[in-house]
Amino acid sequence: MVKDTLLYLPARIIEGVIGLVTITLYTRFFAPDVYGYYGLITTTINISSFLLIGWLIQSVYRYVNSFDNGNKRVLFYSTSFTLWLCTNALVVIAGLAGIILTGHAREAYLTDLLILSVVMFVTFNTNQVLTTMLAAIRRTKLYLALSIFSVSMKLLLTVFLVHTFRTNSYTPASAIISNIVVDAVVSAIIVLRTKIYRYFTFKFFSKRVFRKFMAYSLPLVGVNITMSILNLSDRYVITPILGTEQMGIYHANYTISSTVFNLILVAVMRGVYPSILKNWRQNNKAQTEYFLSQAVRYYLLVSMPALTGLSILSSAVSKLFLDEAYFEQGFVIIWVAVGMFLYGLAEYSNKAWELTSNTKPLFYNTVISAVLNVGLNIIFVRTYGYRAAAVNTALAYLIYLILSLTRSRKILKISFNPLSVARIILSCVIMGLVVWSEIRFMQISVITLALAVITGCVAYFACLVLTGELKAEMNYLINWVKSMKKQ
């Protein structure tokens, strides 16, 4: 768990930095209303993939290691590939038919965007299925290399297309095309490197495997729908009420916090979940609870300083990384960061239902939280603007976490070590004071911001070491280095 997490975190930090650069350039390439269209397209594709392919992604992640010999692999991959192909074929046919039938009512560039969106749906969900499989089978180095390649090339290709075709004043097509091309390339690399094409045979589609997928993931379809509403519905409330320009501003600031916390959540979860799942398959409940509790500790070790730093630096980050038209003093960044922190914590307590394949309680939790979020947005966004949506996001995730923690303890108990939590909070407080002091007395620039982040990280790490919070991890690293030298 420690080794995999330590592999994921540096790579995710690199991705986070590239992500910030991407947001910086995109908000300068695209005016708020154009970026609002980009936000709506990517949000819709995320929701569509989550709803239509999410069940397959979750099944692949859950069962790929259970089919670990030649014959079983043929059944597994043939069934998975057939399901993926049929779903995407239906979506493409329905999408293109709808675009053709309604084409007379739109401008040409909007029709082009819709066609690109249909193609992006296919490449995006394909990439999601394959990268999830890589993480599950612990091809960690390939997974991380492709993740960094993906975010880097999407940015570079967008820059090239923007400067070549100069259509960014009215359409975000260059960014959409970049996503399509890079996702397709990454998917092809995974298929070739893992050689899973050897196991694709239509005649070996297995009804038994399909039923196994359905038994596990069918209850998750309802969860996926309500989670989509909980995570992304605010865009569809803001746009008709406030317009695409306000939506663009909200989406840009929201993306900063969501990028940071999604990277943290994925980095830690990808590192720890295979070990948790392995112990659960061995019917070792006590060890599973221990690993799950350790996973939460790792998440707190990384996410709490991120929340502290983003809250203190929110205004500076918004001013430095977003175009002037998108600046709103960091209010959205802070509240979305709080919400994403709570959401990430709930994901660990949700593992109790995922491991037992009983996802009905998870569905009820998301329904309650999603209804609350939508209701609050409808009531308050018109009066208080998009900032109300950021606050509502945090409140909805707080309810989601409370429901998840209280109800999941009947199955698996997550133990919070009060002394460990106190050490992490103390270290965050000291780090926060160091960062706040620096930005208070220095002129804000990229260099001073980077300096504040570095010194804050050093202060945080030093506090953790001095309080003994990282004693076990430090011993592991020392022993690992010694063993590497002997080899």
Protein backbone atom coordinates (compact mmCIF):
# COMPACT_ATOMS: atom_id res chain seq x y z
CA MET A 1 0.00 0.00 0.00
CA VAL A 2 2.80 2.41 0.93
CA LYS A 3 4.84 1.65 -2.18
CA ASP A 4 1.95 2.01 -4.62
CA THR A 5 0.73 5.20 -2.97
CA LEU A 6 4.23 6.69 -3.10
CA LEU A 7 4.38 5.86 -6.81
CA TYR A 8 1.01 7.47 -7.53
CA LEU A 9 1.46 10.68 -5.55
CA PRO A 10 4.47 12.21 -7.40
CA ALA A 11 2.88 11.42 -10.76
CA ARG A 12 -0.39 12.99 -9.60
CA ILE A 13 1.47 16.10 -8.46
CA ILE A 14 2.95 16.43 -11.95
CA GLU A 15 -0.51 15.99 -13.45
CA GLY A 16 -1.88 18.61 -11.07
CA VAL A 17 0.74 21.15 -12.12
CA ILE A 18 0.02 20.47 -15.80
CA GLY A 19 -3.70 20.74 -15.02
CA LEU A 20 -3.20 24.21 -13.53
CA VAL A 21 -1.21 25.28 -16.60
CA THR A 22 -4.03 23.91 -18.77
CA ILE A 23 -6.67 25.93 -16.93
CA THR A 24 -4.45 29.01 -17.15
CA LEU A 25 -4.08 28.75 -20.92
CA TYR A 26 -7.66 27.68 -21.61
CA THR A 27 -9.08 30.68 -19.75
CA ARG A 28 -6.88 32.89 -21.89
CA PHE A 29 -7.69 31.11 -25.15
CA PHE A 30 -11.46 31.05 -24.57
CA ALA A 31 -13.78 33.81 -23.38
CA PRO A 32 -16.04 32.85 -20.44
CA ASP A 33 -19.05 32.09 -22.65
CA VAL A 34 -16.99 29.86 -24.99
CA TYR A 35 -15.35 28.13 -22.01
CA GLY A 36 -18.86 27.69 -20.63
CA TYR A 37 -19.73 25.63 -23.73
CA TYR A 38 -16.59 23.55 -23.16
CA GLY A 39 -17.61 23.00 -19.54
CA LEU A 40 -21.11 21.90 -20.57
CA ILE A 41 -19.75 19.47 -23.18
CA THR A 42 -17.19 17.85 -20.88
CA THR A 43 -19.73 17.69 -18.04
CA THR A 44 -22.33 16.06 -20.29
CA ILE A 45 -19.81 13.52 -21.59
CA ASN A 46 -18.73 12.73 -18.02
CA ILE A 47 -22.34 12.18 -16.98
CA SER A 48 -23.17 10.14 -20.10
CA SER A 49 -20.13 7.91 -19.69
CA PHE A 50 -20.81 7.51 -15.99
CA LEU A 51 -24.41 6.49 -16.63
CA LEU A 52 -23.98 4.31 -19.72
CA ILE A 53 -20.50 2.80 -19.24
CA GLY A 54 -19.89 3.36 -15.54
CA TRP A 55 -21.36 -0.01 -14.61
CA LEU A 56 -18.91 -1.73 -16.99
CA ILE A 57 -15.94 0.26 -15.65
CA GLN A 58 -16.84 -0.71 -12.09
CA SER A 59 -17.27 -4.37 -13.04
CA VAL A 60 -13.92 -4.47 -14.84
CA TYR A 61 -12.18 -2.92 -11.85
CA ARG A 62 -13.89 -5.30 -9.44
CA TYR A 63 -13.43 -8.60 -11.33
CA VAL A 64 -10.48 -8.35 -13.74
CA ASN A 65 -8.14 -10.08 -11.26
CA SER A 66 -10.66 -12.86 -10.66
CA PHE A 67 -10.26 -14.07 -14.25
CA ASP A 68 -6.54 -14.76 -14.10
CA ASN A 69 -5.90 -17.65 -16.49
CA GLY A 70 -6.13 -18.04 -20.26
CA ASN A 71 -9.64 -19.45 -20.64
CA LYS A 72 -11.14 -17.17 -18.01
CA ARG A 73 -9.46 -14.15 -19.58
CA VAL A 74 -11.01 -14.93 -22.94
CA LEU A 75 -14.45 -15.05 -21.35
CA PHE A 76 -13.85 -11.88 -19.35
CA TYR A 77 -12.41 -9.70 -22.11
CA SER A 78 -14.71 -11.02 -24.84
CA THR A 79 -17.73 -10.22 -22.69
CA SER A 80 -16.38 -6.82 -21.64
CA PHE A 81 -15.42 -5.82 -25.19
CA THR A 82 -18.78 -6.89 -26.63
CA LEU A 83 -20.68 -4.91 -23.99
CA TRP A 84 -18.48 -1.86 -24.60
CA LEU A 85 -18.91 -2.08 -28.37
CA CYS A 86 -22.70 -2.52 -28.29
CA THR A 87 -23.20 0.38 -25.87
CA ASN A 88 -21.04 2.77 -27.87
CA ALA A 89 -22.60 1.72 -31.18
CA LEU A 90 -26.08 2.48 -29.88
CA VAL A 91 -24.99 5.87 -28.51
CA VAL A 92 -23.24 6.86 -31.76
CA ILE A 93 -26.22 5.84 -33.92
CA ALA A 94 -28.73 7.62 -31.66
CA GLY A 95 -26.51 10.69 -31.31
CA LEU A 96 -25.80 11.14 -35.01
CA ALA A 97 -29.46 10.52 -35.90
CA GLY A 98 -30.52 13.22 -33.46
CA ILE A 99 -27.95 15.66 -34.82
CA ILE A 100 -29.02 15.07 -38.43
CA LEU A 101 -32.74 15.40 -37.68
CA THR A 102 -32.31 18.70 -35.80
CA GLY A 103 -29.45 20.15 -37.87
CA HIS A 104 -31.56 22.84 -39.57
CA ALA A 105 -32.18 24.61 -36.23
CA ARG A 106 -28.51 25.27 -35.39
CA GLU A 107 -25.50 27.18 -36.61
CA ALA A 108 -22.86 25.09 -38.37
CA TYR A 109 -20.23 25.34 -35.63
CA LEU A 110 -22.70 24.03 -33.03
CA THR A 111 -23.46 21.03 -35.24
CA ASP A 112 -19.72 20.39 -35.52
CA LEU A 113 -19.41 20.57 -31.72
CA LEU A 114 -22.20 18.04 -31.26
CA ILE A 115 -20.59 15.60 -33.71
CA LEU A 116 -17.24 15.99 -31.95
CA SER A 117 -19.00 15.41 -28.63
CA VAL A 118 -20.37 12.06 -29.82
CA VAL A 119 -16.87 10.99 -30.92
CA MET A 120 -15.39 12.23 -27.65
CA PHE A 121 -17.91 10.14 -25.71
CA VAL A 122 -16.49 7.00 -27.35
CA THR A 123 -12.80 7.85 -26.88
CA PHE A 124 -13.31 9.12 -23.33
CA ASN A 125 -15.16 6.08 -22.00
CA THR A 126 -12.77 3.72 -23.82
CA ASN A 127 -9.87 5.41 -22.11
CA GLN A 128 -11.67 5.15 -18.76
CA VAL A 129 -12.30 1.41 -19.12
CA LEU A 130 -8.72 0.62 -20.14
CA THR A 131 -6.93 2.83 -17.61
CA THR A 132 -9.13 1.44 -14.84
CA MET A 133 -8.09 -2.05 -15.91
CA LEU A 134 -4.40 -1.03 -15.78
CA ALA A 135 -4.81 0.22 -12.23
CA ALA A 136 -6.63 -2.93 -11.15
CA ILE A 137 -3.96 -5.29 -12.51
CA ARG A 138 -1.26 -3.05 -10.97
CA ARG A 139 0.49 -2.01 -14.18
CA THR A 140 1.29 1.10 -12.18
CA LYS A 141 4.24 2.48 -14.13
CA LEU A 142 2.46 2.21 -17.47
CA TYR A 143 -0.70 3.71 -15.97
CA LEU A 144 1.14 6.72 -14.54
CA ALA A 145 3.27 7.28 -17.63
CA LEU A 146 0.17 7.34 -19.82
CA SER A 147 -1.65 9.64 -17.38
CA ILE A 148 1.14 12.22 -17.55
CA PHE A 149 1.41 11.77 -21.33
CA SER A 150 -2.35 12.30 -21.67
CA VAL A 151 -2.63 15.60 -19.79
CA SER A 152 0.55 16.93 -21.41
CA MET A 153 -0.38 16.09 -24.98
CA LYS A 154 -3.95 17.37 -24.63
CA LEU A 155 -2.54 20.74 -23.61
CA LEU A 156 0.13 20.85 -26.33
CA LEU A 157 -2.25 19.76 -29.06
CA THR A 158 -4.82 22.37 -28.00
CA VAL A 159 -2.15 25.09 -28.10
CA PHE A 160 -1.18 23.96 -31.62
CA LEU A 161 -4.78 23.88 -32.88
CA VAL A 162 -5.66 27.24 -31.33
CA HIS A 163 -2.70 28.97 -32.97
CA THR A 164 -3.17 27.14 -36.27
CA PHE A 165 -6.90 27.54 -36.88
CA ARG A 166 -7.77 30.51 -34.60
CA THR A 167 -11.40 29.47 -34.09
CA ASN A 168 -11.20 29.84 -30.30
CA SER A 169 -13.09 33.16 -30.34
CA TYR A 170 -16.40 31.36 -30.89
CA THR A 171 -15.88 27.59 -30.38
CA PRO A 172 -13.89 25.30 -28.03
CA ALA A 173 -13.49 22.72 -30.82
CA SER A 174 -9.68 22.72 -30.55
CA ALA A 175 -9.85 21.50 -26.94
CA ILE A 176 -12.46 18.85 -27.82
CA ILE A 177 -10.37 17.53 -30.74
CA SER A 178 -7.31 17.32 -28.48
CA ASN A 179 -9.23 15.18 -26.00
CA ILE A 180 -10.43 12.88 -28.78
CA VAL A 181 -7.01 12.36 -30.38
CA VAL A 182 -5.05 11.82 -27.17
CA ASP A 183 -7.64 9.51 -25.57
CA ALA A 184 -7.64 7.40 -28.75
CA VAL A 185 -3.84 7.19 -28.78
CA VAL A 186 -3.67 6.25 -25.10
CA SER A 187 -6.33 3.56 -25.58
CA ALA A 188 -4.40 2.08 -28.52
CA ILE A 189 -1.17 2.01 -26.50
CA ILE A 190 -2.85 0.17 -23.62
CA VAL A 191 -4.36 -2.44 -25.95
CA LEU A 192 -1.00 -3.02 -27.65
CA ARG A 193 1.11 -3.06 -24.47
CA THR A 194 -1.19 -5.38 -22.54
CA LYS A 195 -1.98 -7.49 -25.65
CA ILE A 196 -5.55 -7.92 -24.48
CA TYR A 197 -6.64 -7.99 -28.14
CA ARG A 198 -5.66 -11.68 -28.03
CA TYR A 199 -8.67 -12.29 -25.80
CA PHE A 200 -11.32 -10.48 -27.90
CA THR A 201 -13.57 -13.07 -29.52
CA PHE A 202 -17.28 -12.43 -30.05
CA LYS A 203 -18.21 -16.10 -29.93
CA PHE A 204 -16.88 -16.35 -26.38
CA PHE A 205 -19.27 -13.76 -25.02
CA SER A 206 -20.31 -15.27 -21.67
CA LYS A 207 -23.81 -14.92 -20.29
CA ARG A 208 -22.50 -16.09 -16.94
CA VAL A 209 -19.90 -13.31 -16.82
CA PHE A 210 -22.53 -10.83 -18.00
CA ARG A 211 -24.88 -11.89 -15.20
CA LYS A 212 -22.00 -11.54 -12.73
CA PHE A 213 -21.40 -8.00 -13.97
CA MET A 214 -25.08 -7.18 -13.72
CA ALA A 215 -25.47 -8.62 -10.22
CA TYR A 216 -22.65 -6.38 -9.03
CA SER A 217 -23.17 -3.24 -11.08
CA LEU A 218 -26.91 -3.03 -11.79
CA PRO A 219 -27.66 -1.55 -8.35
CA LEU A 220 -24.85 0.93 -9.07
CA VAL A 221 -26.71 2.33 -12.10
CA GLY A 222 -29.07 4.16 -9.77
CA VAL A 223 -26.09 5.28 -7.71
CA ASN A 224 -24.38 6.56 -10.88
CA ILE A 225 -27.45 8.58 -11.83
CA THR A 226 -27.78 10.19 -8.41
CA MET A 227 -24.01 10.74 -8.11
CA SER A 228 -24.05 12.53 -11.47
CA ILE A 229 -26.82 14.77 -10.17
CA LEU A 230 -24.93 15.35 -6.93
CA ASN A 231 -21.59 16.08 -8.63
CA LEU A 232 -22.54 17.97 -11.78
CA SER A 233 -26.14 19.19 -11.70
CA ASP A 234 -25.12 22.69 -10.59
CA ARG A 235 -23.92 23.42 -14.16
CA TYR A 236 -27.37 22.74 -15.52
CA VAL A 237 -28.93 25.07 -12.94
CA ILE A 238 -26.43 27.90 -13.43
CA THR A 239 -26.54 27.92 -17.25
CA PRO A 240 -30.28 28.57 -17.84
CA ILE A 241 -30.53 30.98 -14.91
CA LEU A 242 -27.28 32.96 -15.21
CA GLY A 243 -26.02 32.17 -18.73
CA THR A 244 -22.97 30.44 -20.22
CA GLU A 245 -20.61 33.28 -19.26
CA GLN A 246 -21.31 32.86 -15.53
CA MET A 247 -21.17 29.10 -16.04
CA GLY A 248 -17.69 29.48 -17.57
CA ILE A 249 -16.42 31.49 -14.59
CA TYR A 250 -17.87 28.98 -12.13
CA HIS A 251 -16.54 25.97 -14.06
CA ALA A 252 -13.00 27.39 -14.30
CA ASN A 253 -12.73 28.05 -10.56
CA TYR A 254 -14.49 24.78 -9.69
CA THR A 255 -12.03 22.88 -11.89
CA ILE A 256 -9.03 24.09 -9.87
CA SER A 257 -10.27 22.47 -6.65
CA SER A 258 -11.81 19.41 -8.28
CA THR A 259 -8.59 18.73 -10.22
CA VAL A 260 -6.46 18.80 -7.06
CA PHE A 261 -8.77 16.59 -5.00
CA ASN A 262 -9.61 14.14 -7.77
CA LEU A 263 -5.89 13.57 -8.26
CA ILE A 264 -5.42 12.98 -4.52
CA LEU A 265 -8.41 10.66 -4.25
CA VAL A 266 -7.38 8.59 -7.27
CA ALA A 267 -3.71 8.48 -6.22
CA VAL A 268 -4.44 7.11 -2.75
CA MET A 269 -7.35 4.88 -3.78
CA ARG A 270 -5.44 3.31 -6.66
CA GLY A 271 -2.56 2.58 -4.29
CA VAL A 272 -4.59 0.99 -1.49
CA TYR A 273 -7.70 -0.57 -3.03
CA PRO A 274 -6.05 -3.69 -4.56
CA SER A 275 -4.72 -4.65 -1.11
CA ILE A 276 -8.10 -4.01 0.52
CA LEU A 277 -9.88 -6.09 -2.12
CA LYS A 278 -7.35 -8.91 -1.81
CA ASN A 279 -7.90 -9.21 1.95
CA TRP A 280 -11.66 -9.06 1.52
CA ARG A 281 -11.55 -11.93 -1.00
CA GLN A 282 -9.60 -13.91 1.60
CA ASN A 283 -12.44 -13.38 4.11
CA ASN A 284 -10.13 -11.47 6.42
CA LYS A 285 -12.50 -8.81 7.77
CA ALA A 286 -10.19 -7.59 10.54
CA GLN A 287 -7.30 -7.04 8.15
CA THR A 288 -9.63 -5.38 5.64
CA GLU A 289 -10.80 -2.93 8.30
CA TYR A 290 -7.20 -2.23 9.26
CA PHE A 291 -6.15 -1.54 5.66
CA LEU A 292 -9.23 0.61 5.08
CA SER A 293 -8.43 2.65 8.19
CA GLN A 294 -4.84 3.06 7.00
CA ALA A 295 -6.12 4.16 3.61
CA VAL A 296 -8.20 6.88 5.28
CA ARG A 297 -5.12 7.98 7.20
CA TYR A 298 -3.13 8.27 3.95
CA TYR A 299 -5.96 10.28 2.43
CA LEU A 300 -6.02 12.66 5.42
CA LEU A 301 -2.22 13.01 5.30
CA VAL A 302 -2.42 14.30 1.74
CA SER A 303 -5.85 15.95 1.48
CA MET A 304 -5.86 18.02 4.68
CA PRO A 305 -2.76 20.07 3.79
CA ALA A 306 -4.16 20.44 0.26
CA LEU A 307 -7.41 21.82 1.71
CA THR A 308 -5.49 24.14 4.03
CA GLY A 309 -3.21 25.40 1.28
CA LEU A 310 -6.01 25.95 -1.26
CA SER A 311 -8.09 27.84 1.30
CA ILE A 312 -5.23 30.20 2.16
CA LEU A 313 -3.99 30.63 -1.40
CA SER A 314 -7.38 30.59 -3.17
CA SER A 315 -7.43 34.26 -4.12
CA ALA A 316 -3.80 34.20 -5.28
CA VAL A 317 -4.34 31.00 -7.27
CA SER A 318 -7.46 32.42 -8.97
CA LYS A 319 -5.65 35.65 -9.81
CA LEU A 320 -2.49 33.99 -11.14
CA PHE A 321 -3.88 30.99 -13.00
CA LEU A 322 -7.10 32.37 -14.46
CA ASP A 323 -7.66 35.19 -16.88
CA GLU A 324 -8.90 38.45 -15.35
CA ALA A 325 -12.42 37.77 -16.68
CA TYR A 326 -12.60 34.63 -14.49
CA PHE A 327 -11.28 36.11 -11.23
CA GLU A 328 -13.75 35.96 -8.32
CA GLN A 329 -11.41 36.16 -5.26
CA GLY A 330 -11.24 32.42 -4.61
CA PHE A 331 -14.65 31.97 -2.98
CA VAL A 332 -15.65 29.07 -5.25
CA ILE A 333 -12.23 27.43 -4.90
CA ILE A 334 -12.51 27.31 -1.08
CA TRP A 335 -16.02 25.91 -0.87
CA VAL A 336 -15.53 23.39 -3.65
CA ALA A 337 -12.29 22.27 -1.96
CA VAL A 338 -14.23 21.67 1.27
CA GLY A 339 -16.87 19.72 -0.63
CA MET A 340 -14.35 17.61 -2.54
CA PHE A 341 -12.47 16.81 0.68
CA LEU A 342 -15.68 15.54 2.29
CA TYR A 343 -16.62 13.60 -0.84
CA GLY A 344 -13.21 11.90 -0.93
CA LEU A 345 -13.56 10.85 2.70
CA ALA A 346 -17.00 9.38 2.01
CA GLU A 347 -15.58 7.27 -0.81
CA TYR A 348 -13.67 5.20 1.75
CA SER A 349 -16.65 4.48 3.97
CA ASN A 350 -18.60 3.57 0.81
CA LYS A 351 -16.20 0.66 0.27
CA ALA A 352 -18.18 -1.29 2.88
CA TRP A 353 -21.11 -1.54 0.44
CA GLU A 354 -18.98 -1.98 -2.66
CA LEU A 355 -17.07 -4.92 -1.16
CA THR A 356 -20.28 -6.64 -0.05
CA SER A 357 -21.96 -5.83 -3.41
CA ASN A 358 -24.90 -4.32 -1.47
CA THR A 359 -25.18 -0.86 -2.97
CA LYS A 360 -28.77 -0.03 -2.08
CA PRO A 361 -27.76 2.01 1.02
CA LEU A 362 -25.28 3.90 -1.16
CA PHE A 363 -28.10 4.69 -3.59
CA TYR A 364 -30.31 6.07 -0.79
CA ASN A 365 -27.44 8.25 0.48
CA THR A 366 -26.81 9.75 -2.93
CA VAL A 367 -30.54 10.35 -3.55
CA ILE A 368 -30.86 12.33 -0.32
CA SER A 369 -27.71 14.36 -0.99
CA ALA A 370 -28.51 14.96 -4.67
CA VAL A 371 -32.07 16.13 -3.98
CA LEU A 372 -30.73 18.49 -1.31
CA ASN A 373 -28.10 19.89 -3.70
CA VAL A 374 -30.52 20.47 -6.59
CA GLY A 375 -33.16 21.97 -4.31
CA LEU A 376 -30.74 24.41 -2.69
CA ASN A 377 -29.35 25.43 -6.08
CA ILE A 378 -32.79 26.11 -7.55
CA ILE A 379 -33.70 28.22 -4.50
CA PHE A 380 -30.49 30.22 -4.02
CA VAL A 381 -28.59 30.46 -7.34
CA ARG A 382 -30.98 32.99 -8.87
CA THR A 383 -30.60 35.30 -5.84
CA TYR A 384 -26.97 34.80 -4.80
CA GLY A 385 -25.37 33.72 -8.08
CA TYR A 386 -22.98 30.85 -8.78
CA ARG A 387 -21.31 31.27 -5.37
CA ALA A 388 -24.39 29.73 -3.79
CA ALA A 389 -23.78 26.60 -5.87
CA ALA A 390 -20.28 26.26 -4.39
CA VAL A 391 -21.63 26.47 -0.82
CA ASN A 392 -24.43 24.04 -1.67
CA THR A 393 -21.86 21.59 -3.01
CA ALA A 394 -20.06 21.56 0.35
CA LEU A 395 -23.31 21.18 2.31
CA ALA A 396 -24.52 18.30 0.12
CA TYR A 397 -21.22 16.45 0.48
CA LEU A 398 -21.29 16.98 4.25
CA ILE A 399 -24.68 15.25 4.44
CA TYR A 400 -23.38 12.55 2.10
CA LEU A 401 -20.37 11.90 4.38
CA ILE A 402 -22.46 11.81 7.56
CA LEU A 403 -24.90 9.31 6.04
CA SER A 404 -22.07 7.17 4.69
CA LEU A 405 -20.04 7.05 7.90
CA THR A 406 -22.94 6.34 10.24
CA ARG A 407 -24.56 3.64 8.09
CA SER A 408 -21.44 1.81 6.83
CA ARG A 409 -20.02 1.15 10.31
CA LYS A 410 -22.45 -1.74 10.68
CA ILE A 411 -20.48 -3.57 7.98
CA LEU A 412 -16.89 -2.31 8.19
CA LYS A 413 -15.55 -0.01 10.87
CA ILE A 414 -13.09 2.70 9.95
CA SER A 415 -10.96 3.56 12.97
CA PHE A 416 -9.81 7.15 13.36
CA ASN A 417 -6.77 7.37 15.63
CA PRO A 418 -7.39 10.61 17.58
CA LEU A 419 -3.66 11.14 18.19
CA SER A 420 -2.87 10.66 14.50
CA VAL A 421 -5.62 13.07 13.42
CA ALA A 422 -4.40 15.61 16.01
CA ARG A 423 -0.85 15.40 14.65
CA ILE A 424 -2.08 15.96 11.09
CA ILE A 425 -4.22 18.94 12.13
CA LEU A 426 -1.33 20.45 14.13
CA SER A 427 0.99 20.06 11.14
CA CYS A 428 -1.62 21.70 8.88
CA VAL A 429 -1.99 24.63 11.29
CA ILE A 430 1.78 25.22 11.38
CA MET A 431 2.00 24.85 7.61
CA GLY A 432 -0.91 27.28 7.20
CA LEU A 433 0.77 29.89 9.41
CA VAL A 434 3.98 29.61 7.41
CA VAL A 435 2.17 29.97 4.07
CA TRP A 436 -0.08 32.79 5.31
CA SER A 437 2.93 34.74 6.65
CA GLU A 438 4.75 34.43 3.35
CA ILE A 439 1.92 35.60 1.10
CA ARG A 440 1.02 38.40 3.51
CA PHE A 441 4.41 40.08 3.25
CA MET A 442 5.39 39.23 -0.34
CA GLN A 443 4.06 40.44 -3.66
CA ILE A 444 2.05 37.66 -5.30
CA SER A 445 3.65 36.08 -8.36
CA VAL A 446 4.15 32.58 -9.69
CA ILE A 447 7.60 32.47 -8.08
CA THR A 448 6.42 33.60 -4.64
CA LEU A 449 3.44 31.25 -4.85
CA ALA A 450 5.73 28.32 -5.69
CA LEU A 451 8.02 29.34 -2.83
CA ALA A 452 5.07 29.46 -0.42
CA VAL A 453 3.92 26.00 -1.52
CA ILE A 454 7.41 24.51 -1.18
CA THR A 455 8.10 26.00 2.26
CA GLY A 456 4.62 24.99 3.38
CA CYS A 457 5.27 21.40 2.29
CA VAL A 458 8.62 21.37 4.06
CA ALA A 459 7.04 22.72 7.26
CA TYR A 460 4.23 20.17 7.08
CA PHE A 461 6.55 17.23 6.45
CA ALA A 462 8.93 18.36 9.21
CA CYS A 463 6.05 18.56 11.70
CA LEU A 464 4.87 15.08 10.77
CA VAL A 465 8.37 13.67 11.24
CA LEU A 466 8.97 15.48 14.54
CA THR A 467 5.64 14.33 15.98
CA GLY A 468 6.36 10.73 14.94
CA GLU A 469 3.37 10.49 12.61
CA LEU A 470 5.50 9.17 9.74
CA LYS A 471 7.71 6.85 11.78
CA ALA A 472 6.41 3.61 10.20
CA GLU A 473 6.59 5.03 6.66
CA MET A 474 10.10 6.39 7.20
CA ASN A 475 11.29 3.01 8.48
CA TYR A 476 9.76 1.33 5.45
CA LEU A 477 11.50 3.74 3.07
CA ILE A 478 14.86 3.27 4.79
CA ASN A 479 14.56 -0.52 4.61
CA TRP A 480 13.40 -0.34 0.99
CA VAL A 481 16.40 1.83 0.02
CA LYS A 482 18.76 -0.57 1.77
CA SER A 483 17.28 -3.55 -0.04
CA MET A 484 17.59 -1.73 -3.39
CA LYS A 485 21.28 -1.01 -2.70
CA LYS A 486 21.94 -4.70 -1.93
CA GLN A 487 20.42 -5.67 -5.26
